[in-house]
Amino acid sequence: MKILKPIIFLLAFVVLSSCTKNINFPPDYNYGKTTPTPTNTNANASMTAVIDGQSVNFNTTSANLINSPLGKTMTIVGVNGSQIISLAIYDLNGVGVYDFEKTFAQASYNQDQSSSGSFASETGKITITTFTDTSIKGTFEFVAPNQDYKINTKRTITEGKFDLTYKKVN
């Protein structure tokens, strides 16, 4: 199951990223020299987490519900500068606990844009406490080893919370 999750995550990423969509870059976008930060369109959106003991408020967030061959897929992303947390539930069935070792759910943390700054969940869970036609609220926690196999470090993400309006993407 541990090998299957990254494969499913990669497959979902490839399928979702292969969709064509017009991208409207801001007028000051410098085409790859720096990473632009998307604008948060929901003033009431919130996402926070404690990363290795340090509290982080993610000031830009997004959530999308996608109908896919894997069922309803919910993706939630929080951005704070170069720090990014991504959560994914591949067969969303509403309110409940999505344990990474028992269900198709996964998370990742990027501390920066470096090749050694990527961490993918090993254990953890996402708990959905409220799920409506337009919003999702819940908590998350996970332990994530570095994706560079030469680096033996982990990040521990605790006390994660989100309260977001999501967009349905078909």
N, C-alpha and C. Protein backbone atom coordinates (compact mmCIF):
# COMPACT_ATOMS: atom_id res chain seq x y z
N MET A 1 0.82 -1.19 0.00
CA MET A 1 0.00 0.00 0.00
C MET A 1 0.86 1.26 0.00
N LYS A 2 2.02 1.22 0.68
CA LYS A 2 2.89 2.39 0.74
C LYS A 2 3.45 2.71 -0.64
N ILE A 3 3.70 1.72 -1.47
CA ILE A 3 4.20 1.95 -2.81
C ILE A 3 3.07 2.40 -3.72
N LEU A 4 1.87 1.92 -3.51
CA LEU A 4 0.73 2.25 -4.34
C LEU A 4 0.33 3.71 -4.21
N LYS A 5 0.39 4.28 -3.01
CA LYS A 5 -0.04 5.67 -2.80
C LYS A 5 0.76 6.67 -3.63
N PRO A 6 2.10 6.62 -3.61
CA PRO A 6 2.84 7.57 -4.45
C PRO A 6 2.55 7.40 -5.94
N ILE A 7 2.32 6.16 -6.37
CA ILE A 7 2.01 5.92 -7.77
C ILE A 7 0.66 6.55 -8.11
N ILE A 8 -0.33 6.37 -7.25
CA ILE A 8 -1.64 6.96 -7.47
C ILE A 8 -1.55 8.48 -7.43
N PHE A 9 -0.79 9.02 -6.49
CA PHE A 9 -0.61 10.47 -6.38
C PHE A 9 0.02 11.01 -7.65
N LEU A 10 1.04 10.34 -8.16
CA LEU A 10 1.72 10.76 -9.38
C LEU A 10 0.77 10.66 -10.57
N LEU A 11 0.02 9.57 -10.66
CA LEU A 11 -0.94 9.39 -11.74
C LEU A 11 -1.99 10.50 -11.72
N ALA A 12 -2.53 10.80 -10.53
CA ALA A 12 -3.52 11.86 -10.41
C ALA A 12 -2.93 13.20 -10.82
N PHE A 13 -1.69 13.45 -10.42
CA PHE A 13 -1.02 14.69 -10.78
C PHE A 13 -0.87 14.81 -12.29
N VAL A 14 -0.43 13.72 -12.94
CA VAL A 14 -0.23 13.74 -14.39
C VAL A 14 -1.56 13.96 -15.10
N VAL A 15 -2.60 13.26 -14.66
CA VAL A 15 -3.92 13.40 -15.28
C VAL A 15 -4.44 14.82 -15.10
N LEU A 16 -4.33 15.35 -13.89
CA LEU A 16 -4.85 16.68 -13.62
C LEU A 16 -4.03 17.77 -14.30
N SER A 17 -2.73 17.59 -14.37
CA SER A 17 -1.89 18.61 -14.98
C SER A 17 -1.95 18.56 -16.50
N SER A 18 -2.45 17.48 -17.06
CA SER A 18 -2.55 17.39 -18.51
C SER A 18 -3.80 18.09 -19.04
N CYS A 19 -4.69 18.50 -18.16
CA CYS A 19 -5.88 19.21 -18.59
C CYS A 19 -5.46 20.58 -19.13
N THR A 20 -6.09 20.99 -20.24
CA THR A 20 -5.76 22.30 -20.79
C THR A 20 -6.62 23.35 -20.13
N LYS A 21 -6.00 24.48 -19.86
CA LYS A 21 -6.71 25.57 -19.20
C LYS A 21 -5.94 26.84 -19.48
N ASN A 22 -6.65 27.92 -19.79
CA ASN A 22 -5.98 29.19 -19.98
C ASN A 22 -5.48 29.70 -18.65
N ILE A 23 -4.25 30.14 -18.63
CA ILE A 23 -3.66 30.68 -17.41
C ILE A 23 -3.47 32.17 -17.61
N ASN A 24 -4.06 32.96 -16.76
CA ASN A 24 -3.91 34.40 -16.83
C ASN A 24 -2.86 34.84 -15.84
N PHE A 25 -1.65 35.08 -16.35
CA PHE A 25 -0.57 35.53 -15.48
C PHE A 25 -0.76 37.01 -15.19
N PRO A 26 -0.36 37.45 -13.99
CA PRO A 26 -0.44 38.87 -13.68
C PRO A 26 0.49 39.66 -14.59
N PRO A 27 0.20 40.97 -14.81
CA PRO A 27 1.02 41.78 -15.72
C PRO A 27 2.49 41.82 -15.33
N ASP A 28 2.81 41.70 -14.04
CA ASP A 28 4.20 41.78 -13.61
C ASP A 28 4.88 40.42 -13.53
N TYR A 29 4.25 39.37 -14.06
CA TYR A 29 4.84 38.03 -14.01
C TYR A 29 6.10 37.99 -14.87
N ASN A 30 7.17 37.46 -14.32
CA ASN A 30 8.45 37.49 -15.04
C ASN A 30 8.83 36.12 -15.61
N TYR A 31 7.87 35.30 -15.96
CA TYR A 31 8.05 34.07 -16.70
C TYR A 31 9.13 33.15 -16.17
N GLY A 32 8.97 32.70 -14.94
CA GLY A 32 9.81 31.66 -14.39
C GLY A 32 10.99 32.12 -13.55
N LYS A 33 11.27 33.41 -13.48
CA LYS A 33 12.40 33.86 -12.70
C LYS A 33 12.12 33.78 -11.20
N THR A 34 10.89 33.97 -10.80
CA THR A 34 10.46 33.76 -9.42
C THR A 34 9.11 33.08 -9.47
N THR A 35 8.70 32.48 -8.37
CA THR A 35 7.42 31.81 -8.31
C THR A 35 6.35 32.81 -7.88
N PRO A 36 5.36 33.08 -8.75
CA PRO A 36 4.31 34.02 -8.35
C PRO A 36 3.41 33.40 -7.29
N THR A 37 2.93 34.20 -6.37
CA THR A 37 2.02 33.72 -5.34
C THR A 37 0.60 34.04 -5.78
N PRO A 38 -0.28 33.03 -5.88
CA PRO A 38 -1.65 33.30 -6.29
C PRO A 38 -2.38 34.15 -5.25
N THR A 39 -3.36 34.88 -5.71
CA THR A 39 -4.13 35.72 -4.82
C THR A 39 -5.24 34.91 -4.17
N ASN A 40 -5.41 35.09 -2.87
CA ASN A 40 -6.47 34.40 -2.15
C ASN A 40 -7.78 35.11 -2.44
N THR A 41 -8.73 34.42 -3.06
CA THR A 41 -9.99 35.04 -3.44
C THR A 41 -11.06 34.91 -2.37
N ASN A 42 -10.82 34.15 -1.32
CA ASN A 42 -11.80 33.96 -0.27
C ASN A 42 -11.27 34.59 1.02
N ALA A 43 -11.83 35.74 1.36
CA ALA A 43 -11.34 36.48 2.53
C ALA A 43 -11.51 35.69 3.83
N ASN A 44 -12.45 34.77 3.88
CA ASN A 44 -12.69 34.02 5.11
C ASN A 44 -11.91 32.71 5.16
N ALA A 45 -11.13 32.41 4.14
CA ALA A 45 -10.38 31.16 4.10
C ALA A 45 -9.26 31.18 5.12
N SER A 46 -9.00 30.02 5.70
CA SER A 46 -7.88 29.93 6.64
C SER A 46 -7.26 28.55 6.60
N MET A 47 -5.93 28.55 6.82
CA MET A 47 -5.19 27.30 6.93
C MET A 47 -3.97 27.58 7.78
N THR A 48 -3.79 26.76 8.82
CA THR A 48 -2.65 26.90 9.71
C THR A 48 -2.09 25.52 10.03
N ALA A 49 -0.83 25.50 10.48
CA ALA A 49 -0.21 24.24 10.90
C ALA A 49 1.00 24.56 11.75
N VAL A 50 1.41 23.59 12.55
CA VAL A 50 2.64 23.68 13.32
C VAL A 50 3.63 22.74 12.64
N ILE A 51 4.73 23.30 12.13
CA ILE A 51 5.72 22.54 11.40
C ILE A 51 6.98 22.46 12.24
N ASP A 52 7.30 21.27 12.71
CA ASP A 52 8.45 21.06 13.59
C ASP A 52 8.45 22.06 14.75
N GLY A 53 7.27 22.28 15.33
CA GLY A 53 7.14 23.15 16.50
C GLY A 53 6.92 24.61 16.20
N GLN A 54 6.97 25.03 14.93
CA GLN A 54 6.79 26.44 14.58
C GLN A 54 5.43 26.63 13.90
N SER A 55 4.63 27.55 14.44
CA SER A 55 3.31 27.82 13.89
C SER A 55 3.42 28.61 12.58
N VAL A 56 2.66 28.16 11.57
CA VAL A 56 2.68 28.81 10.26
C VAL A 56 1.25 29.08 9.83
N ASN A 57 0.98 30.31 9.40
CA ASN A 57 -0.31 30.69 8.85
C ASN A 57 -0.17 30.77 7.33
N PHE A 58 -0.92 29.97 6.62
CA PHE A 58 -0.86 29.96 5.17
C PHE A 58 -1.81 31.02 4.65
N ASN A 59 -1.24 32.09 4.08
CA ASN A 59 -2.03 33.26 3.71
C ASN A 59 -2.69 33.12 2.34
N THR A 60 -2.30 32.17 1.55
CA THR A 60 -2.95 31.90 0.28
C THR A 60 -3.37 30.44 0.27
N THR A 61 -4.64 30.20 -0.02
CA THR A 61 -5.16 28.85 0.02
C THR A 61 -6.05 28.58 -1.19
N SER A 62 -6.18 27.32 -1.53
CA SER A 62 -7.14 26.93 -2.55
C SER A 62 -7.61 25.51 -2.26
N ALA A 63 -8.80 25.20 -2.71
CA ALA A 63 -9.35 23.86 -2.57
C ALA A 63 -10.17 23.56 -3.82
N ASN A 64 -9.98 22.36 -4.36
CA ASN A 64 -10.70 21.95 -5.56
C ASN A 64 -11.26 20.56 -5.38
N LEU A 65 -12.48 20.36 -5.85
CA LEU A 65 -13.11 19.04 -5.86
C LEU A 65 -13.20 18.61 -7.31
N ILE A 66 -12.59 17.47 -7.61
CA ILE A 66 -12.49 17.00 -8.99
C ILE A 66 -13.13 15.62 -9.09
N ASN A 67 -14.01 15.45 -10.07
CA ASN A 67 -14.54 14.12 -10.36
C ASN A 67 -13.52 13.41 -11.23
N SER A 68 -12.96 12.32 -10.71
CA SER A 68 -11.91 11.60 -11.42
C SER A 68 -12.23 10.12 -11.44
N PRO A 69 -11.45 9.34 -12.16
CA PRO A 69 -11.66 7.89 -12.15
C PRO A 69 -11.49 7.29 -10.75
N LEU A 70 -10.82 8.01 -9.85
CA LEU A 70 -10.63 7.53 -8.48
C LEU A 70 -11.77 7.94 -7.56
N GLY A 71 -12.79 8.60 -8.10
CA GLY A 71 -13.90 9.11 -7.28
C GLY A 71 -13.77 10.61 -7.12
N LYS A 72 -14.40 11.15 -6.12
CA LYS A 72 -14.28 12.58 -5.84
C LYS A 72 -12.92 12.84 -5.22
N THR A 73 -12.11 13.65 -5.87
CA THR A 73 -10.77 13.96 -5.38
C THR A 73 -10.75 15.40 -4.88
N MET A 74 -10.40 15.57 -3.61
CA MET A 74 -10.29 16.90 -3.01
C MET A 74 -8.82 17.24 -2.87
N THR A 75 -8.42 18.37 -3.40
CA THR A 75 -7.05 18.86 -3.20
C THR A 75 -7.13 20.19 -2.46
N ILE A 76 -6.28 20.33 -1.46
CA ILE A 76 -6.22 21.54 -0.65
C ILE A 76 -4.77 21.98 -0.60
N VAL A 77 -4.53 23.25 -0.90
CA VAL A 77 -3.16 23.78 -0.93
C VAL A 77 -3.10 25.06 -0.12
N GLY A 78 -2.05 25.17 0.70
CA GLY A 78 -1.78 26.39 1.46
C GLY A 78 -0.38 26.87 1.14
N VAL A 79 -0.23 28.20 0.96
CA VAL A 79 1.06 28.78 0.60
C VAL A 79 1.39 29.90 1.58
N ASN A 80 2.64 29.90 2.04
CA ASN A 80 3.19 31.00 2.83
C ASN A 80 4.61 31.23 2.33
N GLY A 81 4.79 32.22 1.47
CA GLY A 81 6.10 32.44 0.86
C GLY A 81 6.50 31.22 0.06
N SER A 82 7.64 30.61 0.40
CA SER A 82 8.09 29.42 -0.32
C SER A 82 7.59 28.13 0.34
N GLN A 83 6.91 28.22 1.47
CA GLN A 83 6.37 27.03 2.14
C GLN A 83 5.00 26.67 1.56
N ILE A 84 4.84 25.39 1.24
CA ILE A 84 3.59 24.92 0.65
C ILE A 84 3.18 23.61 1.31
N ILE A 85 1.92 23.54 1.71
CA ILE A 85 1.35 22.27 2.17
C ILE A 85 0.26 21.88 1.19
N SER A 86 0.30 20.63 0.73
CA SER A 86 -0.72 20.10 -0.17
C SER A 86 -1.35 18.87 0.48
N LEU A 87 -2.66 18.83 0.47
CA LEU A 87 -3.42 17.70 0.99
C LEU A 87 -4.25 17.13 -0.15
N ALA A 88 -4.40 15.82 -0.19
CA ALA A 88 -5.23 15.20 -1.23
C ALA A 88 -5.98 14.02 -0.64
N ILE A 89 -7.27 13.97 -0.95
CA ILE A 89 -8.11 12.82 -0.62
C ILE A 89 -8.67 12.34 -1.95
N TYR A 90 -8.37 11.08 -2.32
CA TYR A 90 -8.70 10.58 -3.65
C TYR A 90 -10.08 9.96 -3.77
N ASP A 91 -10.71 9.62 -2.69
CA ASP A 91 -12.06 9.05 -2.74
C ASP A 91 -12.86 9.68 -1.60
N LEU A 92 -13.11 10.98 -1.74
CA LEU A 92 -13.78 11.74 -0.69
C LEU A 92 -15.23 11.28 -0.53
N ASN A 93 -15.57 10.93 0.70
CA ASN A 93 -16.93 10.49 1.01
C ASN A 93 -17.56 11.37 2.08
N GLY A 94 -17.14 12.63 2.17
CA GLY A 94 -17.73 13.55 3.12
C GLY A 94 -17.00 13.56 4.45
N VAL A 95 -17.75 13.88 5.51
CA VAL A 95 -17.20 13.98 6.86
C VAL A 95 -16.61 12.64 7.29
N GLY A 96 -15.42 12.69 7.90
CA GLY A 96 -14.79 11.47 8.36
C GLY A 96 -13.29 11.62 8.50
N VAL A 97 -12.65 10.53 8.91
CA VAL A 97 -11.20 10.50 9.09
C VAL A 97 -10.59 9.75 7.91
N TYR A 98 -9.61 10.37 7.27
CA TYR A 98 -8.91 9.78 6.14
C TYR A 98 -7.46 9.52 6.58
N ASP A 99 -7.24 8.30 7.09
CA ASP A 99 -5.93 7.89 7.58
C ASP A 99 -5.08 7.48 6.38
N PHE A 100 -3.87 8.01 6.26
CA PHE A 100 -3.03 7.77 5.09
C PHE A 100 -2.69 6.31 4.89
N GLU A 101 -2.66 5.53 5.94
CA GLU A 101 -2.30 4.11 5.81
C GLU A 101 -3.51 3.24 5.47
N LYS A 102 -4.73 3.79 5.59
CA LYS A 102 -5.93 2.99 5.37
C LYS A 102 -6.77 3.47 4.20
N THR A 103 -6.61 4.72 3.78
CA THR A 103 -7.42 5.27 2.70
C THR A 103 -6.52 5.94 1.68
N PHE A 104 -7.10 6.31 0.57
CA PHE A 104 -6.34 7.01 -0.46
C PHE A 104 -6.28 8.50 -0.14
N ALA A 105 -5.38 8.84 0.74
CA ALA A 105 -5.14 10.23 1.12
C ALA A 105 -3.64 10.41 1.28
N GLN A 106 -3.18 11.63 1.06
CA GLN A 106 -1.75 11.90 1.10
C GLN A 106 -1.53 13.38 1.32
N ALA A 107 -0.34 13.74 1.80
CA ALA A 107 0.01 15.14 2.00
C ALA A 107 1.47 15.34 1.66
N SER A 108 1.82 16.59 1.41
CA SER A 108 3.22 16.92 1.17
C SER A 108 3.51 18.30 1.75
N TYR A 109 4.79 18.54 2.00
CA TYR A 109 5.26 19.83 2.50
C TYR A 109 6.50 20.22 1.72
N ASN A 110 6.51 21.41 1.19
CA ASN A 110 7.69 21.96 0.54
C ASN A 110 8.15 23.15 1.38
N GLN A 111 9.37 23.05 1.92
CA GLN A 111 9.86 24.14 2.77
C GLN A 111 10.45 25.26 1.92
N ASP A 112 10.89 24.94 0.71
CA ASP A 112 11.44 25.94 -0.20
C ASP A 112 11.48 25.34 -1.60
N GLN A 113 12.08 26.04 -2.53
CA GLN A 113 12.13 25.59 -3.91
C GLN A 113 13.36 24.75 -4.24
N SER A 114 14.14 24.38 -3.21
CA SER A 114 15.35 23.61 -3.46
C SER A 114 15.04 22.14 -3.69
N SER A 115 16.01 21.43 -4.26
CA SER A 115 15.81 20.01 -4.53
C SER A 115 15.72 19.19 -3.24
N SER A 116 16.23 19.71 -2.14
CA SER A 116 16.18 18.97 -0.87
C SER A 116 15.05 19.46 0.04
N GLY A 117 14.19 20.32 -0.47
CA GLY A 117 13.13 20.90 0.37
C GLY A 117 11.78 20.26 0.25
N SER A 118 11.69 19.06 -0.34
CA SER A 118 10.42 18.38 -0.55
C SER A 118 10.24 17.21 0.41
N PHE A 119 9.06 17.14 1.02
CA PHE A 119 8.74 16.09 1.99
C PHE A 119 7.35 15.54 1.66
N ALA A 120 7.22 14.21 1.60
CA ALA A 120 5.93 13.58 1.32
C ALA A 120 5.51 12.71 2.49
N SER A 121 4.23 12.70 2.77
CA SER A 121 3.70 12.02 3.95
C SER A 121 4.04 10.54 3.97
N GLU A 122 4.36 10.10 5.16
CA GLU A 122 4.61 8.69 5.42
C GLU A 122 3.45 8.13 6.26
N THR A 123 3.10 8.88 7.27
CA THR A 123 1.95 8.56 8.13
C THR A 123 1.18 9.85 8.37
N GLY A 124 -0.07 9.71 8.77
CA GLY A 124 -0.86 10.88 9.10
C GLY A 124 -2.32 10.69 8.78
N LYS A 125 -3.06 11.79 8.91
CA LYS A 125 -4.49 11.73 8.62
C LYS A 125 -5.04 13.11 8.35
N ILE A 126 -6.15 13.13 7.63
CA ILE A 126 -6.94 14.33 7.39
C ILE A 126 -8.31 14.03 7.96
N THR A 127 -8.82 14.90 8.79
CA THR A 127 -10.15 14.73 9.36
C THR A 127 -11.05 15.83 8.82
N ILE A 128 -12.10 15.44 8.11
CA ILE A 128 -13.08 16.40 7.59
C ILE A 128 -14.20 16.50 8.62
N THR A 129 -14.39 17.70 9.17
CA THR A 129 -15.43 17.92 10.19
C THR A 129 -16.69 18.54 9.62
N THR A 130 -16.55 19.30 8.52
CA THR A 130 -17.70 19.91 7.85
C THR A 130 -17.48 19.82 6.35
N PHE A 131 -18.49 19.35 5.63
CA PHE A 131 -18.39 19.26 4.18
C PHE A 131 -19.76 19.62 3.60
N THR A 132 -19.83 20.75 2.88
CA THR A 132 -21.08 21.19 2.25
C THR A 132 -20.87 21.25 0.74
N ASP A 133 -21.86 21.76 0.02
CA ASP A 133 -21.75 21.89 -1.44
C ASP A 133 -20.70 22.91 -1.86
N THR A 134 -20.26 23.77 -0.93
CA THR A 134 -19.31 24.81 -1.31
C THR A 134 -18.12 24.97 -0.35
N SER A 135 -18.16 24.32 0.80
CA SER A 135 -17.07 24.54 1.76
C SER A 135 -16.61 23.24 2.43
N ILE A 136 -15.40 23.31 2.94
CA ILE A 136 -14.81 22.16 3.63
C ILE A 136 -14.01 22.68 4.82
N LYS A 137 -14.12 21.95 5.93
CA LYS A 137 -13.42 22.34 7.15
C LYS A 137 -12.88 21.08 7.81
N GLY A 138 -11.67 21.19 8.38
CA GLY A 138 -11.12 20.02 9.03
C GLY A 138 -9.75 20.25 9.62
N THR A 139 -9.11 19.14 9.97
CA THR A 139 -7.78 19.17 10.58
C THR A 139 -6.88 18.18 9.86
N PHE A 140 -5.57 18.31 10.09
CA PHE A 140 -4.62 17.36 9.50
C PHE A 140 -3.36 17.31 10.33
N GLU A 141 -2.66 16.20 10.18
CA GLU A 141 -1.36 16.00 10.80
C GLU A 141 -0.65 14.91 10.01
N PHE A 142 0.68 15.05 9.88
CA PHE A 142 1.43 14.01 9.19
C PHE A 142 2.92 14.14 9.47
N VAL A 143 3.61 13.03 9.26
CA VAL A 143 5.07 12.97 9.33
C VAL A 143 5.54 12.70 7.91
N ALA A 144 6.52 13.50 7.45
CA ALA A 144 6.94 13.42 6.06
C ALA A 144 8.46 13.35 5.94
N PRO A 145 8.99 12.25 5.42
CA PRO A 145 10.43 12.17 5.18
C PRO A 145 10.82 12.97 3.93
N ASN A 146 12.08 13.38 3.89
CA ASN A 146 12.61 14.11 2.74
C ASN A 146 12.54 13.21 1.52
N GLN A 147 12.18 13.79 0.37
CA GLN A 147 12.08 13.02 -0.85
C GLN A 147 13.42 12.73 -1.51
N ASP A 148 14.45 13.42 -1.06
CA ASP A 148 15.81 13.11 -1.52
C ASP A 148 16.30 11.95 -0.66
N TYR A 149 16.41 10.78 -1.24
CA TYR A 149 16.74 9.58 -0.47
C TYR A 149 18.10 9.67 0.22
N LYS A 150 18.94 10.60 -0.19
CA LYS A 150 20.26 10.75 0.43
C LYS A 150 20.19 11.55 1.73
N ILE A 151 19.09 12.24 1.92
CA ILE A 151 18.93 13.09 3.11
C ILE A 151 17.98 12.39 4.07
N ASN A 152 18.43 12.09 5.25
CA ASN A 152 17.62 11.35 6.22
C ASN A 152 16.99 12.33 7.22
N THR A 153 16.07 13.17 6.73
CA THR A 153 15.36 14.10 7.61
C THR A 153 13.86 13.93 7.42
N LYS A 154 13.11 14.36 8.40
CA LYS A 154 11.66 14.32 8.35
C LYS A 154 11.12 15.65 8.85
N ARG A 155 9.90 15.97 8.46
CA ARG A 155 9.18 17.11 9.01
C ARG A 155 7.92 16.56 9.67
N THR A 156 7.61 17.11 10.85
CA THR A 156 6.41 16.72 11.57
C THR A 156 5.44 17.89 11.54
N ILE A 157 4.29 17.66 10.94
CA ILE A 157 3.26 18.68 10.81
C ILE A 157 2.12 18.29 11.75
N THR A 158 1.80 19.17 12.70
CA THR A 158 0.74 18.91 13.68
C THR A 158 -0.20 20.11 13.72
N GLU A 159 -1.31 19.94 14.41
CA GLU A 159 -2.28 21.00 14.65
C GLU A 159 -2.72 21.73 13.38
N GLY A 160 -2.72 20.99 12.25
CA GLY A 160 -3.16 21.58 11.00
C GLY A 160 -4.67 21.79 11.00
N LYS A 161 -5.08 22.96 10.50
CA LYS A 161 -6.51 23.29 10.43
C LYS A 161 -6.78 24.01 9.12
N PHE A 162 -7.94 23.77 8.54
CA PHE A 162 -8.35 24.50 7.34
C PHE A 162 -9.86 24.73 7.39
N ASP A 163 -10.27 25.83 6.81
CA ASP A 163 -11.66 26.22 6.70
C ASP A 163 -11.76 26.99 5.38
N LEU A 164 -12.23 26.31 4.32
CA LEU A 164 -12.13 26.86 2.98
C LEU A 164 -13.41 26.67 2.17
N THR A 165 -13.59 27.56 1.22
CA THR A 165 -14.58 27.37 0.17
C THR A 165 -13.85 26.67 -0.96
N TYR A 166 -14.46 25.66 -1.57
CA TYR A 166 -13.79 24.95 -2.65
C TYR A 166 -14.48 25.19 -3.98
N LYS A 167 -13.71 24.93 -5.03
CA LYS A 167 -14.20 25.07 -6.39
C LYS A 167 -14.38 23.67 -6.99
N LYS A 168 -15.49 23.45 -7.68
CA LYS A 168 -15.71 22.17 -8.36
C LYS A 168 -15.12 22.25 -9.76
N VAL A 169 -14.27 21.28 -10.07
CA VAL A 169 -13.61 21.23 -11.37
C VAL A 169 -13.99 19.90 -12.02
N ASN A 170 -14.49 19.95 -13.22
CA ASN A 170 -14.88 18.72 -13.92
C ASN A 170 -14.00 18.45 -15.09
